[in-house]
Amino acid sequence: MPEAQDRIIDEWMEQLIQQGPEGMAAVFTRLFNLAMRFERENFLDVRHYERTDERRGYANGVKPKRIDTQAGTLIVDVPKTAGTDEPFYPRSLERGTRSSRALMLAVAEMYVKGISTRDLADILDKSGIDGLSSSQVSRASKLLDHYLEQWRNRALGEVRYLIVDARYEKVRIDGIVRDATILSAIGIGPDSRRSLLGVSVALSEAEVHWRLFLDSLVRRGLRGVQFITSDDHAGIGAARRAVFGGVTWQRCQFHLAQNAIHHAPSHAIRSVIGAELRARRLECQGSGYRQCGTSSSGQRYTKSAPALSPWLERNVPEGLAVFSLPEQHRSKMRTSNPIERSVQQEIERRTVKVGVFPSVDTLLRLVSAVLVEIDEKWAASTQPYIKWKPDTASTV
């Protein structure tokens, strides 16, 4: 075997000598194919062309797959197996990432349950898998679920600013498609870094779900919260006051403006509300939070829009708490957009491929895997998300 490997390497070296950099793609393709073949041999516990009763299955040819690399676009031969207890797929390919594996498991679970979706066969085919059994899906799921559960229950520490948000996905329960709520939270700690604190998926009532989620963060050690930003989701107000009573709350300014426009009774009034709210923010920025919180929001609409006027008086002040923060923090905390752009859009990019999830657990697995990868990316960044000053704690 060593002599055969030396002969292969000599051939590749000769190819590089003759073709130079232009031969890199071909050499890399051959090297990649060889690595995947060795991985399949280890998976089957048998060498190429070897016969033994201890083998775990059989080699079953290869399937071409296009991959993009720094050496260019390559067509590699992905080894296939047969007669194994679980599907084989080379760890070196894209499906090795946790979110891709979770997406694959979601599709596989739908496949074995017989749920008809036109994209299922295509996704399985692109992944080099001809078919799966329920036992194979179950075994693969347990390996990933154990890691994700550890991440969701890991210990937390001091977090000064908190951003929470919710989104909804479709889940099939007893043959009925229902809305499942996904709650997630971003925390900014004393180290100026942001991190994803946790996630929860449930079909429960809004307030019950929110309170359980926030309580779980506290039980895991979350402390020191001074400021919370969120949209005015159903149930979040009562849950927030119960768990973080006394903590300053900022209602997302973006969604507040949208809600205000929806409450306007005519197009003429809708066309000016956005400009008025922007002017109000500038007024607060110049005069300070205390003066800004006392000025009227909707007195001018008392006659023209009687229902809108009290709504503005009651709701607009909830969007002005951010002006109590240091000026350099306001852009990051005035809306829940940081969690929507960084987190929710990435979740949607993955979940849209599934459509209707076969269970709450399947949805939780995929969302958790996406959040873990985002969190790891943030942890690797050297840039602070919010810079603290020595007197920050006293100004919030």
Protein backbone atom coordinates (compact mmCIF):
# COMPACT_ATOMS: atom_id res chain seq x y z
CA MET A 1 0.00 0.00 0.00
CA PRO A 2 2.72 2.57 0.82
CA GLU A 3 4.41 1.77 -2.52
CA ALA A 4 1.12 2.35 -4.37
CA GLN A 5 0.63 5.69 -2.58
CA ASP A 6 4.20 6.73 -3.46
CA ARG A 7 3.54 5.84 -7.10
CA ILE A 8 0.36 7.95 -7.15
CA ILE A 9 2.13 10.92 -5.59
CA ASP A 10 4.98 10.60 -8.13
CA GLU A 11 2.43 10.72 -10.96
CA TRP A 12 0.82 13.86 -9.54
CA MET A 13 4.17 15.55 -9.07
CA GLU A 14 5.08 14.75 -12.67
CA GLN A 15 1.77 16.23 -13.84
CA LEU A 16 2.43 19.45 -11.91
CA ILE A 17 5.96 19.67 -13.33
CA GLN A 18 4.64 19.32 -16.88
CA GLN A 19 1.52 21.51 -16.61
CA GLY A 20 2.43 23.98 -13.87
CA PRO A 21 -0.42 25.89 -12.13
CA GLU A 22 -2.88 24.88 -14.86
CA GLY A 23 -2.63 21.31 -13.63
CA MET A 24 -3.61 22.15 -10.04
CA ALA A 25 -7.34 21.57 -10.59
CA ALA A 26 -6.81 18.09 -12.05
CA VAL A 27 -4.36 17.10 -9.31
CA PHE A 28 -6.65 18.42 -6.59
CA THR A 29 -9.59 16.49 -8.05
CA ARG A 30 -7.62 13.26 -7.99
CA LEU A 31 -6.38 13.96 -4.46
CA PHE A 32 -9.92 14.74 -3.27
CA ASN A 33 -11.28 11.56 -4.85
CA LEU A 34 -8.56 9.50 -3.20
CA ALA A 35 -9.24 11.06 0.22
CA MET A 36 -12.97 10.30 -0.08
CA ARG A 37 -12.21 6.73 -1.15
CA PHE A 38 -9.98 6.23 1.91
CA GLU A 39 -12.75 7.68 4.07
CA ARG A 40 -15.23 5.18 2.62
CA GLU A 41 -12.79 2.34 3.31
CA ASN A 42 -12.53 3.42 6.95
CA PHE A 43 -16.32 3.70 7.13
CA LEU A 44 -16.77 0.15 5.77
CA ASP A 45 -13.79 -1.14 7.77
CA VAL A 46 -12.39 -2.82 4.67
CA ARG A 47 -9.70 -1.88 2.14
CA HIS A 48 -10.23 -1.55 -1.60
CA TYR A 49 -10.92 -4.99 -3.17
CA GLU A 50 -10.39 -6.66 0.23
CA ARG A 51 -12.69 -9.52 1.23
CA THR A 52 -13.55 -9.95 4.92
CA ASP A 53 -16.52 -11.00 7.04
CA GLU A 54 -15.96 -8.00 9.35
CA ARG A 55 -16.95 -5.43 6.78
CA ARG A 56 -19.88 -3.06 7.60
CA GLY A 57 -21.23 -2.88 4.06
CA TYR A 58 -20.15 -2.64 0.45
CA ALA A 59 -18.78 -0.05 -1.93
CA ASN A 60 -21.46 0.92 -4.43
CA GLY A 61 -19.72 2.98 -7.09
CA VAL A 62 -19.49 6.75 -7.20
CA LYS A 63 -21.69 9.72 -8.02
CA PRO A 64 -20.34 12.89 -9.70
CA LYS A 65 -20.73 16.14 -7.79
CA ARG A 66 -19.77 19.71 -8.71
CA ILE A 67 -17.92 21.65 -5.97
CA ASP A 68 -16.45 25.17 -5.97
CA THR A 69 -12.92 25.50 -4.60
CA GLN A 70 -10.04 27.98 -4.73
CA ALA A 71 -8.63 25.80 -7.50
CA GLY A 72 -11.81 26.35 -9.52
CA THR A 73 -14.99 24.35 -10.07
CA LEU A 74 -14.29 20.64 -9.87
CA ILE A 75 -16.29 17.52 -10.68
CA VAL A 76 -15.44 14.96 -8.00
CA ASP A 77 -16.54 11.34 -7.62
CA VAL A 78 -18.45 10.95 -4.36
CA PRO A 79 -18.16 7.31 -3.15
CA LYS A 80 -21.42 5.48 -2.42
CA THR A 81 -22.13 2.51 -0.16
CA ALA A 82 -24.75 -0.21 0.16
CA GLY A 83 -25.85 -2.53 2.94
CA THR A 84 -24.84 -0.15 5.77
CA ASP A 85 -26.82 0.74 8.91
CA GLU A 86 -26.43 4.48 8.24
CA PRO A 87 -25.78 6.50 5.08
CA PHE A 88 -22.19 7.36 4.18
CA TYR A 89 -21.24 10.84 3.07
CA PRO A 90 -17.69 12.29 3.07
CA ARG A 91 -17.15 14.72 5.93
CA SER A 92 -15.03 16.93 3.67
CA LEU A 93 -18.03 18.00 1.55
CA GLU A 94 -20.50 20.78 2.31
CA ARG A 95 -22.99 18.53 4.04
CA GLY A 96 -20.52 18.25 6.92
CA THR A 97 -21.66 21.61 8.33
CA ARG A 98 -24.18 21.34 11.15
CA SER A 99 -26.88 23.45 9.51
CA SER A 100 -26.60 21.51 6.25
CA ARG A 101 -26.81 18.23 8.15
CA ALA A 102 -29.84 19.48 10.07
CA LEU A 103 -31.53 20.54 6.83
CA MET A 104 -30.74 17.15 5.34
CA LEU A 105 -32.25 15.40 8.36
CA ALA A 106 -35.41 17.51 8.07
CA VAL A 107 -35.78 16.50 4.44
CA ALA A 108 -34.96 12.89 5.28
CA GLU A 109 -37.61 12.78 8.01
CA MET A 110 -40.19 14.05 5.55
CA TYR A 111 -38.98 11.47 3.05
CA VAL A 112 -39.37 8.45 5.34
CA LYS A 113 -42.78 9.70 6.51
CA GLY A 114 -43.97 9.81 2.93
CA ILE A 115 -44.66 13.55 2.86
CA SER A 116 -44.89 14.62 -0.76
CA THR A 117 -42.71 17.61 -1.64
CA ARG A 118 -41.33 18.10 -5.13
CA ASP A 119 -37.96 19.30 -3.80
CA LEU A 120 -37.29 16.24 -1.60
CA ALA A 121 -36.01 13.91 -4.29
CA ASP A 122 -33.86 16.68 -5.75
CA ILE A 123 -32.25 17.52 -2.39
CA LEU A 124 -31.57 13.85 -1.66
CA ASP A 125 -30.20 13.33 -5.14
CA LYS A 126 -27.82 16.31 -4.90
CA SER A 127 -26.56 14.92 -1.60
CA GLY A 128 -25.66 11.58 -3.18
CA ILE A 129 -28.35 9.63 -1.30
CA ASP A 130 -30.75 7.31 -3.09
CA GLY A 131 -32.88 6.42 -0.08
CA LEU A 132 -33.04 6.38 3.72
CA SER A 133 -34.76 4.34 6.39
CA SER A 134 -36.40 5.66 9.55
CA SER A 135 -33.73 3.93 11.68
CA GLN A 136 -30.97 5.64 9.72
CA VAL A 137 -32.57 9.04 10.21
CA SER A 138 -33.12 8.36 13.91
CA ARG A 139 -29.49 7.39 14.54
CA ALA A 140 -28.11 10.37 12.63
CA SER A 141 -30.51 12.74 14.42
CA LYS A 142 -29.47 11.60 17.89
CA LEU A 143 -25.82 12.43 17.22
CA LEU A 144 -26.62 16.01 16.17
CA ASP A 145 -29.37 16.56 18.74
CA HIS A 146 -27.04 15.77 21.64
CA TYR A 147 -24.61 18.51 20.62
CA LEU A 148 -27.33 21.08 19.92
CA GLU A 149 -29.03 20.41 23.25
CA GLN A 150 -25.75 21.05 25.04
CA TRP A 151 -25.42 24.38 23.22
CA ARG A 152 -28.98 25.43 24.09
CA ASN A 153 -28.41 24.63 27.78
CA ARG A 154 -24.89 26.00 28.17
CA ALA A 155 -24.18 28.35 31.08
CA LEU A 156 -24.57 32.10 30.47
CA GLY A 157 -23.07 35.08 32.28
CA GLU A 158 -23.36 38.86 32.42
CA VAL A 159 -25.20 40.50 29.53
CA ARG A 160 -25.84 44.25 29.53
CA TYR A 161 -28.00 44.64 26.42
CA LEU A 162 -30.56 42.11 25.20
CA ILE A 163 -32.33 41.90 21.82
CA VAL A 164 -35.14 39.36 21.46
CA ASP A 165 -37.32 38.49 18.50
CA ALA A 166 -39.83 35.96 17.19
CA ARG A 167 -40.62 34.38 13.83
CA TYR A 168 -43.08 31.73 12.70
CA GLU A 169 -42.76 28.52 10.69
CA LYS A 170 -45.27 25.90 9.56
CA VAL A 171 -45.29 22.52 11.36
CA ARG A 172 -47.47 19.48 10.66
CA ILE A 173 -49.07 18.16 13.87
CA ASP A 174 -51.42 15.14 13.58
CA GLY A 175 -51.95 15.92 9.92
CA ILE A 176 -52.82 19.59 10.56
CA VAL A 177 -50.47 22.40 9.55
CA ARG A 178 -49.96 24.82 12.47
CA ASP A 179 -47.83 27.86 13.24
CA ALA A 180 -44.83 27.27 15.50
CA THR A 181 -43.16 30.25 17.18
CA ILE A 182 -39.36 30.54 17.21
CA LEU A 183 -37.97 32.78 19.97
CA SER A 184 -34.31 33.80 19.95
CA ALA A 185 -32.10 36.25 21.85
CA ILE A 186 -28.88 38.17 21.24
CA GLY A 187 -26.82 39.43 24.17
CA ILE A 188 -24.05 42.03 24.28
CA GLY A 189 -21.74 41.41 27.22
CA PRO A 190 -19.04 43.39 29.04
CA ASP A 191 -16.49 42.13 26.49
CA SER A 192 -18.27 44.24 23.80
CA ARG A 193 -19.06 41.08 21.80
CA ARG A 194 -22.49 39.84 20.77
CA SER A 195 -23.58 36.25 21.10
CA LEU A 196 -26.68 34.17 20.50
CA LEU A 197 -27.97 33.19 23.93
CA GLY A 198 -30.60 30.62 23.06
CA VAL A 199 -33.64 29.55 21.07
CA SER A 200 -37.02 28.02 21.81
CA VAL A 201 -39.68 26.54 19.53
CA ALA A 202 -43.23 25.85 20.72
CA LEU A 203 -46.92 25.88 19.83
CA SER A 204 -47.87 27.30 23.24
CA GLU A 205 -49.63 30.57 24.05
CA ALA A 206 -47.54 33.67 23.36
CA GLU A 207 -47.12 34.89 26.94
CA VAL A 208 -46.47 31.39 28.31
CA HIS A 209 -43.82 30.70 25.68
CA TRP A 210 -42.12 34.07 26.15
CA ARG A 211 -42.00 33.69 29.92
CA LEU A 212 -40.61 30.15 29.76
CA PHE A 213 -37.95 31.29 27.29
CA LEU A 214 -36.85 34.32 29.32
CA ASP A 215 -36.93 32.28 32.53
CA SER A 216 -34.68 29.67 30.92
CA LEU A 217 -32.06 32.33 30.13
CA VAL A 218 -32.04 33.45 33.76
CA ARG A 219 -31.81 29.87 35.04
CA ARG A 220 -28.75 29.36 32.87
CA GLY A 221 -27.01 32.27 34.59
CA LEU A 222 -28.04 35.34 32.58
CA ARG A 223 -27.55 38.44 34.76
CA GLY A 224 -26.85 42.15 34.57
CA VAL A 225 -29.43 43.04 31.86
CA GLN A 226 -29.87 46.82 31.71
CA PHE A 227 -31.68 47.35 28.41
CA ILE A 228 -33.97 45.24 26.22
CA THR A 229 -35.00 45.83 22.60
CA SER A 230 -37.83 43.96 20.89
CA ASP A 231 -40.94 44.39 18.83
CA ASP A 232 -44.28 44.50 20.69
CA HIS A 233 -44.97 40.79 20.18
CA ALA A 234 -48.11 39.32 21.70
CA GLY A 235 -47.41 38.30 25.28
CA ILE A 236 -43.88 39.69 25.50
CA GLY A 237 -44.87 42.68 27.66
CA ALA A 238 -46.24 40.65 30.56
CA ALA A 239 -43.45 38.08 30.31
CA ARG A 240 -40.73 40.74 30.18
CA ARG A 241 -42.12 42.59 33.19
CA ALA A 242 -42.35 39.34 35.16
CA VAL A 243 -38.79 38.20 34.42
CA PHE A 244 -36.95 41.52 33.93
CA GLY A 245 -39.06 43.91 35.97
CA GLY A 246 -37.58 47.40 36.05
CA VAL A 247 -35.30 46.89 33.02
CA THR A 248 -35.65 49.64 30.40
CA TRP A 249 -37.47 48.46 27.28
CA GLN A 250 -37.08 49.85 23.77
CA ARG A 251 -39.82 49.08 21.28
CA CYS A 252 -38.40 48.49 17.82
CA GLN A 253 -38.65 51.83 16.01
CA PHE A 254 -38.90 50.22 12.57
CA HIS A 255 -41.94 48.12 13.45
CA LEU A 256 -43.44 50.96 15.48
CA ALA A 257 -43.40 53.19 12.39
CA GLN A 258 -45.00 50.42 10.32
CA ASN A 259 -47.73 49.91 12.92
CA ALA A 260 -48.40 53.64 13.09
CA ILE A 261 -48.89 53.81 9.32
CA HIS A 262 -51.29 50.83 9.46
CA HIS A 263 -53.38 52.66 12.08
CA ALA A 264 -53.73 55.74 9.88
CA PRO A 265 -57.26 55.99 8.43
CA SER A 266 -56.32 57.59 5.12
CA HIS A 267 -53.54 57.73 2.57
CA ALA A 268 -53.01 61.44 3.23
CA ILE A 269 -52.27 60.79 6.91
CA ARG A 270 -50.13 57.70 6.19
CA SER A 271 -47.93 59.74 3.86
CA VAL A 272 -46.84 62.14 6.62
CA ILE A 273 -46.63 59.86 9.67
CA GLY A 274 -43.24 58.39 8.70
CA ALA A 275 -41.73 61.85 8.25
CA GLU A 276 -43.19 63.00 11.57
CA LEU A 277 -41.73 60.04 13.44
CA ARG A 278 -38.32 60.68 11.91
CA ALA A 279 -38.57 64.34 12.95
CA ARG A 280 -39.50 63.20 16.44
CA ARG A 281 -36.36 61.09 16.65
CA LEU A 282 -34.24 64.07 15.62
CA GLU A 283 -35.99 66.21 18.25
CA CYS A 284 -35.21 63.65 20.95
CA GLN A 285 -31.64 63.32 19.79
CA GLY A 286 -31.18 67.05 20.18
CA SER A 287 -33.14 67.70 23.38
CA GLY A 288 -32.45 64.55 25.39
CA TYR A 289 -34.62 61.67 26.57
CA ARG A 290 -36.44 63.47 29.41
CA GLN A 291 -37.69 66.36 27.30
CA CYS A 292 -38.48 64.05 24.40
CA GLY A 293 -40.62 61.76 26.50
CA THR A 294 -42.98 64.54 27.57
CA SER A 295 -43.90 66.09 24.22
CA SER A 296 -47.15 65.23 22.49
CA SER A 297 -47.23 62.59 19.75
CA GLY A 298 -50.69 62.70 18.28
CA GLN A 299 -52.68 65.75 19.42
CA ARG A 300 -52.88 67.08 15.87
CA TYR A 301 -54.95 64.02 14.85
CA THR A 302 -57.56 64.38 17.62
CA LYS A 303 -60.20 65.59 15.16
CA SER A 304 -59.08 64.08 11.86
CA ALA A 305 -58.25 60.62 13.24
CA PRO A 306 -59.68 60.14 16.74
CA ALA A 307 -58.56 56.49 16.97
CA LEU A 308 -55.02 57.23 15.77
CA SER A 309 -54.39 60.06 18.21
CA PRO A 310 -54.58 58.01 21.45
CA TRP A 311 -52.64 55.18 19.79
CA LEU A 312 -49.74 57.51 19.05
CA GLU A 313 -49.84 59.01 22.55
CA ARG A 314 -49.71 55.55 24.08
CA ASN A 315 -47.22 53.80 21.78
CA VAL A 316 -44.70 56.33 20.45
CA PRO A 317 -42.99 56.92 23.83
CA GLU A 318 -42.19 53.20 23.93
CA GLY A 319 -39.90 53.73 20.93
CA LEU A 320 -37.90 56.56 22.49
CA ALA A 321 -36.19 54.78 25.39
CA VAL A 322 -33.06 54.32 23.26
CA PHE A 323 -32.24 57.99 23.76
CA SER A 324 -31.37 57.19 27.37
CA LEU A 325 -28.36 55.24 26.05
CA PRO A 326 -24.98 56.71 25.11
CA GLU A 327 -25.20 58.14 21.61
CA GLN A 328 -22.77 55.61 20.12
CA HIS A 329 -25.02 52.72 21.22
CA ARG A 330 -28.32 53.98 19.83
CA SER A 331 -27.96 52.80 16.23
CA LYS A 332 -27.40 49.22 17.43
CA MET A 333 -30.28 49.18 19.94
CA ARG A 334 -33.07 51.31 18.44
CA THR A 335 -34.55 48.40 16.45
CA SER A 336 -34.59 44.62 16.48
CA ASN A 337 -33.09 44.64 12.97
CA PRO A 338 -29.71 43.27 14.15
CA ILE A 339 -31.35 39.97 15.02
CA GLU A 340 -33.66 40.03 12.01
CA ARG A 341 -30.91 40.66 9.46
CA SER A 342 -28.23 38.45 10.96
CA VAL A 343 -30.37 35.64 12.33
CA GLN A 344 -33.91 35.56 10.96
CA GLN A 345 -32.89 35.93 7.33
CA GLU A 346 -30.42 33.05 7.64
CA ILE A 347 -33.08 30.89 9.31
CA GLU A 348 -35.49 31.70 6.49
CA ARG A 349 -32.87 30.82 3.88
CA ARG A 350 -32.71 27.32 5.35
CA THR A 351 -36.33 26.71 6.35
CA VAL A 352 -37.77 27.81 3.00
CA LYS A 353 -36.31 24.65 1.48
CA VAL A 354 -38.45 22.52 3.81
CA GLY A 355 -41.70 24.51 3.77
CA VAL A 356 -43.82 22.58 6.28
CA PHE A 357 -41.80 20.81 8.97
CA PRO A 358 -42.80 17.28 9.98
CA SER A 359 -42.42 18.02 13.72
CA VAL A 360 -41.49 20.71 16.24
CA ASP A 361 -38.31 18.79 17.09
CA THR A 362 -37.21 18.84 13.46
CA LEU A 363 -37.71 22.60 13.27
CA LEU A 364 -35.84 23.13 16.56
CA ARG A 365 -32.92 21.03 15.29
CA LEU A 366 -32.50 23.01 12.09
CA VAL A 367 -32.89 26.44 13.74
CA SER A 368 -30.47 25.50 16.53
CA ALA A 369 -27.86 24.35 14.02
CA VAL A 370 -28.15 27.63 12.09
CA LEU A 371 -27.78 29.67 15.29
CA VAL A 372 -24.75 27.68 16.44
CA GLU A 373 -22.94 28.46 13.20
CA ILE A 374 -23.82 32.16 13.40
CA ASP A 375 -22.67 32.27 17.02
CA GLU A 376 -19.37 30.61 16.17
CA LYS A 377 -18.82 33.13 13.38
CA TRP A 378 -19.43 36.02 15.78
CA ALA A 379 -17.11 34.48 18.39
CA ALA A 380 -14.31 34.35 15.82
CA SER A 381 -14.67 38.04 14.97
CA THR A 382 -12.14 40.46 16.48
CA GLN A 383 -14.37 43.53 16.05
CA PRO A 384 -16.38 44.78 19.08
CA TYR A 385 -20.10 45.08 18.48
CA ILE A 386 -20.61 47.83 21.07
CA LYS A 387 -17.78 49.69 22.76
CA TRP A 388 -18.31 50.33 26.45
CA LYS A 389 -17.06 53.36 28.33
CA PRO A 390 -16.15 53.26 32.04
CA ASP A 391 -19.32 55.16 32.95
CA THR A 392 -21.70 53.21 30.68
CA ALA A 393 -23.33 51.30 33.54
CA SER A 394 -24.33 54.53 35.29
CA THR A 395 -25.90 56.09 32.20
CA VAL A 396 -28.33 53.29 31.39
